[in-house]
Protein backbone atom coordinates (compact mmCIF):
# COMPACT_ATOMS: atom_id res chain seq x y z
CA MET A 1 -0.01 -0.03 0.01
CA LYS A 2 1.47 3.36 -1.08
CA LYS A 3 1.79 6.08 1.56
CA ILE A 4 0.69 9.58 0.75
CA LEU A 5 1.40 12.68 2.92
CA LEU A 6 -1.01 15.69 2.46
CA VAL A 7 0.37 19.11 3.54
CA ASP A 8 -2.22 21.63 3.60
CA ASP A 9 -3.57 23.96 6.40
CA ASP A 10 -7.26 23.38 5.08
CA GLN A 11 -8.46 20.80 7.35
CA ASN A 12 -11.77 20.26 5.59
CA LEU A 13 -9.86 19.65 2.26
CA CYS A 14 -7.47 17.28 3.95
CA ALA A 15 -10.43 15.23 5.38
CA LEU A 16 -12.11 14.99 1.97
CA LEU A 17 -8.89 14.04 0.19
CA SER A 18 -7.88 11.53 2.94
CA SER A 19 -11.30 9.78 2.62
CA TYR A 20 -11.19 9.70 -1.17
CA LEU A 21 -7.55 8.45 -1.55
CA VAL A 22 -8.16 5.80 1.10
CA SER A 23 -10.98 4.53 -1.12
CA PHE A 24 -8.30 3.82 -3.75
CA ASN A 25 -6.17 1.88 -1.35
CA PHE A 26 -3.68 4.48 -0.36
CA SER A 27 -2.45 4.92 3.13
CA VAL A 28 -2.91 8.66 3.93
CA ASN A 29 -1.67 11.06 6.61
CA SER A 30 -2.08 14.87 6.71
CA VAL A 31 -0.21 17.74 8.33
CA ASN A 32 -1.00 21.46 8.34
CA SER A 33 2.50 22.95 7.84
CA VAL A 34 5.81 22.32 6.10
CA ARG A 35 7.56 22.09 9.45
CA ASN A 36 5.30 19.29 10.53
CA ALA A 37 5.64 17.60 7.19
CA LEU A 38 9.44 17.55 7.58
CA VAL A 39 9.02 15.99 11.06
CA TYR A 40 6.68 13.41 9.73
CA ILE A 41 8.85 12.60 6.72
CA ARG A 42 11.94 11.93 9.02
CA GLN A 43 9.72 9.48 11.08
CA ASP A 44 7.83 7.68 8.24
CA CYS A 45 9.06 8.53 4.65
CA PRO A 46 5.95 8.63 2.31
CA ASP A 47 5.92 7.35 -1.26
CA LEU A 48 4.46 10.69 -2.48
CA VAL A 49 3.56 14.20 -1.04
CA ILE A 50 0.61 16.29 -2.06
CA SER A 51 1.18 19.84 -0.97
CA ASP A 52 -0.49 23.27 -1.08
CA ILE A 53 1.88 26.15 -1.77
CA MET A 54 0.39 28.95 0.19
CA MET A 55 0.72 28.22 4.00
CA GLN A 56 1.80 30.15 7.00
CA GLY A 57 5.60 30.14 7.56
CA LEU A 58 7.38 27.93 5.19
CA ASN A 59 5.56 27.38 1.90
CA GLY A 60 5.17 24.54 -0.63
CA TYR A 61 8.22 25.69 -2.60
CA ASP A 62 10.23 25.72 0.45
CA LEU A 63 9.24 22.15 1.09
CA VAL A 64 10.55 20.92 -2.27
CA LYS A 65 13.81 22.96 -1.82
CA LEU A 66 14.33 21.32 1.63
CA LEU A 67 13.60 17.78 0.32
CA LYS A 68 16.08 18.31 -2.57
CA LEU A 69 18.82 19.21 -0.06
CA ASN A 70 18.57 15.72 1.65
CA THR A 71 19.82 12.78 -0.18
CA LEU A 72 17.37 10.52 1.78
CA TYR A 73 14.31 12.50 0.48
CA VAL A 74 15.44 13.96 -2.78
CA ASN A 75 13.47 11.44 -4.68
CA ILE A 76 10.17 11.83 -2.97
CA PRO A 77 7.65 12.92 -5.66
CA VAL A 78 5.69 16.10 -4.89
CA ILE A 79 2.35 17.06 -6.44
CA PHE A 80 1.43 20.75 -5.93
CA LEU A 81 -2.40 21.15 -5.23
CA THR A 82 -2.84 24.90 -5.17
CA ALA A 83 -4.97 27.97 -5.98
CA LYS A 84 -1.76 29.62 -7.35
CA GLY A 85 -2.62 29.29 -11.14
CA MET A 86 -0.34 31.84 -12.85
CA THR A 87 1.99 30.50 -15.48
CA THR A 88 4.87 31.88 -13.60
CA ASP A 89 3.80 29.95 -10.43
CA ARG A 90 3.68 26.70 -12.36
CA ILE A 91 6.98 27.32 -14.02
CA LEU A 92 8.65 27.91 -10.64
CA GLY A 93 7.08 24.79 -9.31
CA TYR A 94 8.38 22.60 -12.13
CA ASN A 95 11.83 24.26 -12.00
CA LEU A 96 12.12 23.44 -8.45
CA GLY A 97 11.29 19.80 -9.16
CA CYS A 98 7.64 19.04 -8.51
CA HIS A 99 6.25 16.13 -10.55
CA ALA A 100 2.80 17.72 -11.06
CA TYR A 101 0.87 20.88 -10.58
CA LEU A 102 -2.92 20.90 -10.11
CA ILE A 103 -4.90 24.02 -9.63
CA LYS A 104 -7.74 24.46 -7.19
CA PRO A 105 -10.67 23.86 -7.72
CA PHE A 106 -9.82 20.39 -9.24
CA ASP A 107 -11.40 17.16 -10.16
CA LEU A 108 -10.83 14.26 -7.69
CA LYS A 109 -10.63 11.80 -10.63
CA GLU A 110 -7.82 13.95 -12.37
CA LEU A 111 -5.84 13.86 -9.08
CA ILE A 112 -5.99 10.06 -8.89
CA ALA A 113 -5.00 9.83 -12.59
CA ILE A 114 -1.92 12.16 -11.77
CA ILE A 115 -0.96 10.16 -8.76
CA ASP A 116 -1.13 6.83 -10.58
CA ASN A 117 0.93 8.37 -13.47
CA VAL A 118 3.67 9.81 -11.11
CA LEU A 119 3.89 6.53 -9.08
CA ASN A 120 4.12 4.41 -12.33
CA GLN A 121 6.87 6.73 -13.80
CA ILE A 122 8.88 6.50 -10.57
CA HIS A 123 8.49 2.70 -10.55
CA LEU A 124 9.64 2.33 -14.17
CA LEU A 125 12.66 4.64 -13.54
CA ARG A 126 13.67 2.74 -10.53
CA LYS A 127 13.28 -0.60 -12.28
CA SER A 128 15.33 0.61 -15.31
CA ALA A 129 18.10 1.81 -12.90
CA LEU A 130 18.22 -1.37 -11.01
CA VAL A 131 18.42 -3.47 -14.16
CA ASN A 132 21.22 -1.45 -15.51
CA TYR A 133 22.95 -1.64 -12.13
CA CYS A 134 22.51 -5.44 -12.18
CA LYS A 135 24.08 -5.67 -15.65
CA LEU A 136 27.38 -4.10 -14.36
CA PHE A 137 27.91 -7.15 -12.09
CA ILE A 138 26.65 -10.07 -14.26
CA ASP A 139 30.14 -11.06 -15.19
CA SER A 140 31.60 -10.56 -11.71
CA LYS A 141 34.07 -13.38 -10.81
CA LEU A 142 32.72 -13.39 -7.34
CA PHE A 143 29.08 -14.09 -8.59
CA ASN A 144 30.48 -16.77 -10.92
CA LEU A 145 32.36 -18.38 -8.15
CA PHE A 146 29.09 -19.52 -6.57
CA ASP A 147 27.65 -20.50 -9.93
CA LEU A 148 24.73 -18.21 -9.66
CA THR A 149 22.04 -17.95 -12.28
CA GLN A 150 21.21 -14.65 -13.85
CA GLY A 151 17.90 -14.54 -11.82
CA GLU A 152 19.92 -15.21 -8.65
CA LYS A 153 22.32 -12.46 -9.45
CA ASN A 154 19.64 -9.94 -10.09
CA VAL A 155 17.93 -10.84 -6.74
CA LEU A 156 21.29 -10.69 -4.86
CA ILE A 157 21.98 -7.24 -6.11
CA LEU A 158 18.72 -5.95 -4.68
CA VAL A 159 19.24 -7.87 -1.46
CA ILE A 160 22.66 -6.21 -1.11
CA HIS A 161 20.90 -2.83 -1.49
CA GLY A 162 18.54 -3.50 1.38
CA TYR A 163 15.37 -4.38 -0.56
CA MET A 164 12.94 -6.76 1.05
CA ASN A 165 11.27 -9.66 -0.69
CA LYS A 166 8.09 -7.66 -1.51
CA GLU A 167 10.05 -4.88 -3.06
CA ILE A 168 12.26 -7.12 -5.02
CA ALA A 169 9.24 -8.96 -6.42
CA MET A 170 7.63 -5.60 -7.46
CA SER A 171 10.90 -4.49 -9.02
CA LEU A 172 11.44 -7.68 -11.02
CA ASP A 173 7.88 -8.28 -11.81
CA VAL A 174 7.75 -11.76 -10.18
CA SER A 175 5.82 -13.30 -7.28
CA GLN A 176 7.07 -12.86 -3.79
CA ARG A 177 7.07 -16.64 -3.44
CA ASN A 178 9.59 -16.89 -6.23
CA ILE A 179 11.82 -14.40 -4.60
CA GLU A 180 11.62 -16.32 -1.39
CA LYS A 181 12.89 -19.26 -3.41
CA TYR A 182 15.78 -17.25 -4.92
CA VAL A 183 16.79 -16.00 -1.50
CA SER A 184 16.77 -19.64 -0.11
CA ARG A 185 18.88 -20.81 -3.03
CA LEU A 186 21.44 -17.94 -2.47
CA LEU A 187 21.76 -18.88 1.23
CA ASN A 188 22.34 -22.54 0.35
CA LYS A 189 24.94 -21.78 -2.44
CA THR A 190 26.87 -19.32 -0.39
CA ASN A 191 26.58 -21.29 2.91
CA THR A 192 25.16 -18.32 4.79
CA ARG A 193 22.52 -18.48 7.38
CA ASN A 194 20.57 -15.32 6.74
CA ARG A 195 20.43 -12.15 4.69
CA VAL A 196 22.79 -10.17 6.98
CA GLU A 197 25.52 -12.78 6.50
CA LEU A 198 24.83 -12.97 2.78
CA ILE A 199 25.16 -9.19 2.39
CA LYS A 200 28.38 -9.13 4.41
CA LEU A 201 29.91 -11.82 2.33
CA PHE A 202 29.45 -9.92 -0.95
CA LEU A 203 30.17 -6.40 0.39
CA ALA A 204 33.60 -7.73 1.58
CA TYR A 205 34.56 -8.14 -1.99
CA ILE A 206 32.67 -5.46 -3.85
């Protein structure tokens, strides 16, 4: 279930959006300021942020700037949902790095379409990057030492990078059950007892 954080000081709007997004199987939380958003993100990093621009204190533009300064949060997609509809406002938002800009009043169905599109694009980019990264290690002598199949190599790379079975399954478009089998075979072939030992074994050589 994807986690969405709403950042808006309009409590009625947040309640409406939360109810609607939950009906589409999203996990939703809301905060009323950028400062509270930053606190929340440090505690529980969301998959996507939907933010107003005009708020007391720090504004939505400031939120994007601050996220871009932190390597842990730089890739969190941000959708602006705002009454600021001038072309210069939209250009500023996109130049700062927002993924979409929706002007109030808006259509809830359009918002869902935008969210789905942004999350799908992020997934495809991550998958492409992971596949390219895997290719760099396909011919590794260390991998060949344990006679790993290409599938096992791809899974191992993601295990080394800290991905859990569910995330690996989503990235490689296979079932979680198959990933569990891959991990079991990796443990057997490398004579390691768990994921931690497996990771340590390969990180010692990479």
